[in-house]
C-alpha atoms as a PDB file:
ATOM      1  CA  MET A   1      31.776  -1.194 234.562  1.00  0.00           C
ATOM      2  CA  THR A   2      33.176   2.271 234.853  1.00  0.00           C
ATOM      3  CA  ASP A   3      36.407   3.592 233.522  1.00  0.00           C
ATOM      4  CA  ASP A   4      38.344   5.564 236.032  1.00  0.00           C
ATOM      5  CA  LYS A   5      40.850   6.832 233.424  1.00  0.00           C
ATOM      6  CA  PRO A   6      40.090  10.230 231.975  1.00  0.00           C
ATOM      7  CA  GLY A   7      39.970  10.548 228.152  1.00  0.00           C
ATOM      8  CA  THR A   8      39.163   6.893 227.405  1.00  0.00           C
ATOM      9  CA  GLY A   9      36.152   7.937 225.340  1.00  0.00           C
ATOM     10  CA  ASP A  10      38.308  10.361 223.329  1.00  0.00           C
ATOM     11  CA  ARG A  11      40.867   7.633 222.684  1.00  0.00           C
ATOM     12  CA  LEU A  12      38.170   5.209 221.501  1.00  0.00           C
ATOM     13  CA  ALA A  13      36.708   7.907 219.242  1.00  0.00           C
ATOM     14  CA  ALA A  14      40.166   8.601 217.785  1.00  0.00           C
ATOM     15  CA  LEU A  15      40.746   4.846 217.285  1.00  0.00           C
ATOM     16  CA  PHE A  16      37.399   4.433 215.501  1.00  0.00           C
ATOM     17  CA  THR A  17      38.135   7.466 213.324  1.00  0.00           C
ATOM     18  CA  LEU A  18      41.509   6.000 212.408  1.00  0.00           C
ATOM     19  CA  LEU A  19      39.965   2.614 211.609  1.00  0.00           C
ATOM     20  CA  ASN A  20      37.341   4.371 209.491  1.00  0.00           C
ATOM     21  CA  ARG A  21      40.029   6.175 207.491  1.00  0.00           C
ATOM     22  CA  VAL A  22      42.006   2.939 207.037  1.00  0.00           C
ATOM     23  CA  GLY A  23      38.857   1.260 205.766  1.00  0.00           C
ATOM     24  CA  ALA A  24      38.272   4.129 203.319  1.00  0.00           C
ATOM     25  CA  VAL A  25      41.854   3.848 202.025  1.00  0.00           C
ATOM     26  CA  LEU A  26      41.521   0.102 201.643  1.00  0.00           C
ATOM     27  CA  ASN A  27      38.208   0.557 199.834  1.00  0.00           C
ATOM     28  CA  GLY A  28      39.893   3.024 197.447  1.00  0.00           C
ATOM     29  CA  LEU A  29      42.721   0.564 196.823  1.00  0.00           C
ATOM     30  CA  ASN A  30      40.149  -2.156 196.118  1.00  0.00           C
ATOM     31  CA  GLY A  31      38.574   0.081 193.493  1.00  0.00           C
ATOM     32  CA  ILE A  32      41.969   0.715 191.896  1.00  0.00           C
ATOM     33  CA  VAL A  33      42.770  -3.016 191.856  1.00  0.00           C
ATOM     34  CA  GLU A  34      39.355  -3.875 190.367  1.00  0.00           C
ATOM     35  CA  SER A  35      39.779  -1.173 187.695  1.00  0.00           C
ATOM     36  CA  ARG A  36      43.228  -2.428 186.769  1.00  0.00           C
ATOM     37  CA  ALA A  37      42.042  -6.025 186.653  1.00  0.00           C
ATOM     38  CA  ALA A  38      39.241  -4.995 184.293  1.00  0.00           C
ATOM     39  CA  GLN A  39      41.747  -3.209 182.034  1.00  0.00           C
ATOM     40  CA  VAL A  40      43.999  -6.282 181.952  1.00  0.00           C
ATOM     41  CA  ALA A  41      41.040  -8.538 181.203  1.00  0.00           C
ATOM     42  CA  ALA A  42      39.905  -6.286 178.332  1.00  0.00           C
ATOM     43  CA  PHE A  43      43.435  -6.224 176.927  1.00  0.00           C
ATOM     44  CA  GLU A  44      43.736  -9.998 177.128  1.00  0.00           C
ATOM     45  CA  MET A  45      40.333 -10.413 175.433  1.00  0.00           C
ATOM     46  CA  ARG A  46      41.441  -8.201 172.566  1.00  0.00           C
ATOM     47  CA  ALA A  47      44.667 -10.223 172.259  1.00  0.00           C
ATOM     48  CA  VAL A  48      42.718 -13.490 172.163  1.00  0.00           C
ATOM     49  CA  ARG A  49      40.346 -12.139 169.533  1.00  0.00           C
ATOM     50  CA  ARG A  50      43.266 -10.888 167.437  1.00  0.00           C
ATOM     51  CA  ALA A  51      45.030 -14.281 167.721  1.00  0.00           C
ATOM     52  CA  ALA A  52      41.810 -16.080 166.748  1.00  0.00           C
ATOM     53  CA  GLY A  53      41.498 -13.851 163.689  1.00  0.00           C
ATOM     54  CA  VAL A  54      45.082 -14.449 162.668  1.00  0.00           C
ATOM     55  CA  PHE A  55      44.614 -18.196 163.118  1.00  0.00           C
ATOM     56  CA  ALA A  56      41.448 -18.199 161.000  1.00  0.00           C
ATOM     57  CA  LEU A  57      43.131 -16.247 158.201  1.00  0.00           C
ATOM     58  CA  ALA A  58      46.227 -18.501 158.323  1.00  0.00           C
ATOM     59  CA  LEU A  59      44.013 -21.592 158.130  1.00  0.00           C
ATOM     60  CA  ALA A  60      42.157 -20.147 155.117  1.00  0.00           C
ATOM     61  CA  ALA A  61      45.465 -19.253 153.422  1.00  0.00           C
ATOM     62  CA  ALA A  62      46.803 -22.780 154.022  1.00  0.00           C
ATOM     63  CA  LEU A  63      43.681 -24.390 152.590  1.00  0.00           C
ATOM     64  CA  LEU A  64      43.764 -22.140 149.518  1.00  0.00           C
ATOM     65  CA  ALA A  65      47.471 -22.835 149.020  1.00  0.00           C
ATOM     66  CA  CYS A  66      46.798 -26.583 149.165  1.00  0.00           C
ATOM     67  CA  ALA A  67      44.023 -26.201 146.604  1.00  0.00           C
ATOM     68  CA  ALA A  68      46.334 -24.192 144.334  1.00  0.00           C
ATOM     69  CA  ALA A  69      49.080 -26.809 144.627  1.00  0.00           C
ATOM     70  CA  GLY A  70      46.555 -29.522 143.783  1.00  0.00           C
ATOM     71  CA  PHE A  71      45.309 -27.683 140.720  1.00  0.00           C
ATOM     72  CA  ALA A  72      48.888 -27.008 139.601  1.00  0.00           C
ATOM     73  CA  ALA A  73      49.771 -30.675 140.021  1.00  0.00           C
ATOM     74  CA  PHE A  74      46.682 -31.669 138.045  1.00  0.00           C
ATOM     75  CA  ALA A  75      47.594 -29.236 135.259  1.00  0.00           C
ATOM     76  CA  ILE A  76      51.145 -30.619 135.031  1.00  0.00           C
ATOM     77  CA  LEU A  77      49.892 -34.184 134.957  1.00  0.00           C
ATOM     78  CA  ALA A  78      47.289 -33.353 132.314  1.00  0.00           C
ATOM     79  CA  ALA A  79      49.939 -31.692 130.144  1.00  0.00           C
ATOM     80  CA  LEU A  80      52.477 -34.548 130.491  1.00  0.00           C
ATOM     81  CA  TRP A  81      49.981 -37.453 130.568  1.00  0.00           C
ATOM     82  CA  ASP A  82      50.555 -38.737 127.036  1.00  0.00           C
ATOM     83  CA  THR A  83      54.342 -38.729 126.955  1.00  0.00           C
ATOM     84  CA  HIS A  84      55.948 -38.428 130.409  1.00  0.00           C
ATOM     85  CA  ARG A  85      53.366 -39.240 133.047  1.00  0.00           C
ATOM     86  CA  VAL A  86      55.794 -40.896 135.502  1.00  0.00           C
ATOM     87  CA  LEU A  87      58.302 -38.040 135.183  1.00  0.00           C
ATOM     88  CA  GLY A  88      55.511 -35.495 135.793  1.00  0.00           C
ATOM     89  CA  ALA A  89      54.279 -37.342 138.860  1.00  0.00           C
ATOM     90  CA  ALA A  90      57.833 -37.643 140.203  1.00  0.00           C
ATOM     91  CA  CYS A  91      58.500 -33.926 139.671  1.00  0.00           C
ATOM     92  CA  ILE A  92      55.260 -32.998 141.479  1.00  0.00           C
ATOM     93  CA  ALA A  93      56.119 -35.302 144.388  1.00  0.00           C
ATOM     94  CA  GLY A  94      59.627 -33.853 144.603  1.00  0.00           C
ATOM     95  CA  VAL A  95      58.377 -30.279 144.660  1.00  0.00           C
ATOM     96  CA  LEU A  96      55.792 -31.106 147.358  1.00  0.00           C
ATOM     97  CA  VAL A  97      58.449 -32.856 149.480  1.00  0.00           C
ATOM     98  CA  LEU A  98      60.749 -29.843 149.061  1.00  0.00           C
ATOM     99  CA  LEU A  99      57.956 -27.440 150.109  1.00  0.00           C
ATOM    100  CA  ALA A 100      57.092 -29.651 153.104  1.00  0.00           C
ATOM    101  CA  GLY A 101      60.768 -29.666 154.198  1.00  0.00           C
ATOM    102  CA  ILE A 102      60.979 -25.881 153.929  1.00  0.00           C
ATOM    103  CA  ALA A 103      57.760 -25.517 155.961  1.00  0.00           C
ATOM    104  CA  ALA A 104      59.116 -27.891 158.637  1.00  0.00           C
ATOM    105  CA  LEU A 105      62.364 -25.945 158.898  1.00  0.00           C
ATOM    106  CA  LEU A 106      60.464 -22.657 159.169  1.00  0.00           C
ATOM    107  CA  ALA A 107      58.171 -24.089 161.856  1.00  0.00           C
ATOM    108  CA  ARG A 108      61.181 -25.375 163.772  1.00  0.00           C
ATOM    109  CA  GLY A 109      62.852 -22.011 163.576  1.00  0.00           C
ATOM    110  CA  ILE A 110      59.725 -20.241 164.860  1.00  0.00           C
ATOM    111  CA  THR A 111      59.081 -22.608 167.744  1.00  0.00           C
ATOM    112  CA  GLN A 112      62.643 -22.810 169.113  1.00  0.00           C
ATOM    113  CA  PRO A 113      63.405 -20.297 171.846  1.00  0.00           C
ATOM    114  CA  GLY A 114      66.206 -17.862 171.404  1.00  0.00           C
END
C-alpha cells in the first residue's frame, strides 16, 4: 500500500511525538497522585496512632478512677461500719449514681452534633 499524499510520514511522526508527550505528562501526574496518596496515608496513620494512644490513656484513667472510687467507698464503709453502716452504703450509692449521671450527660453532650 502506498500513500500518494505528501507529508503523511511527517504527520504520523508529529502525532507520535504528541502522544509521547501526552504520555509523559500523564506519567508525571501519576507520580504526583501517588505522592499525594502516600502523604494522606501517612497522615491518616499518624491520626490513627494518636487516637489509639488517647484511647489507651483514657481507658487507664477510667480504670484507675474506678479503683480510687472503690477504695474510697471501702474507707467510708470501714469508718461507719459500727454505727451507721446503712447510711454509709446509701451515701456511697448516691454519690456513684450522681457521678454516673454526670458522665452520661457529658457523653451525650459530646456525641450530639451541633
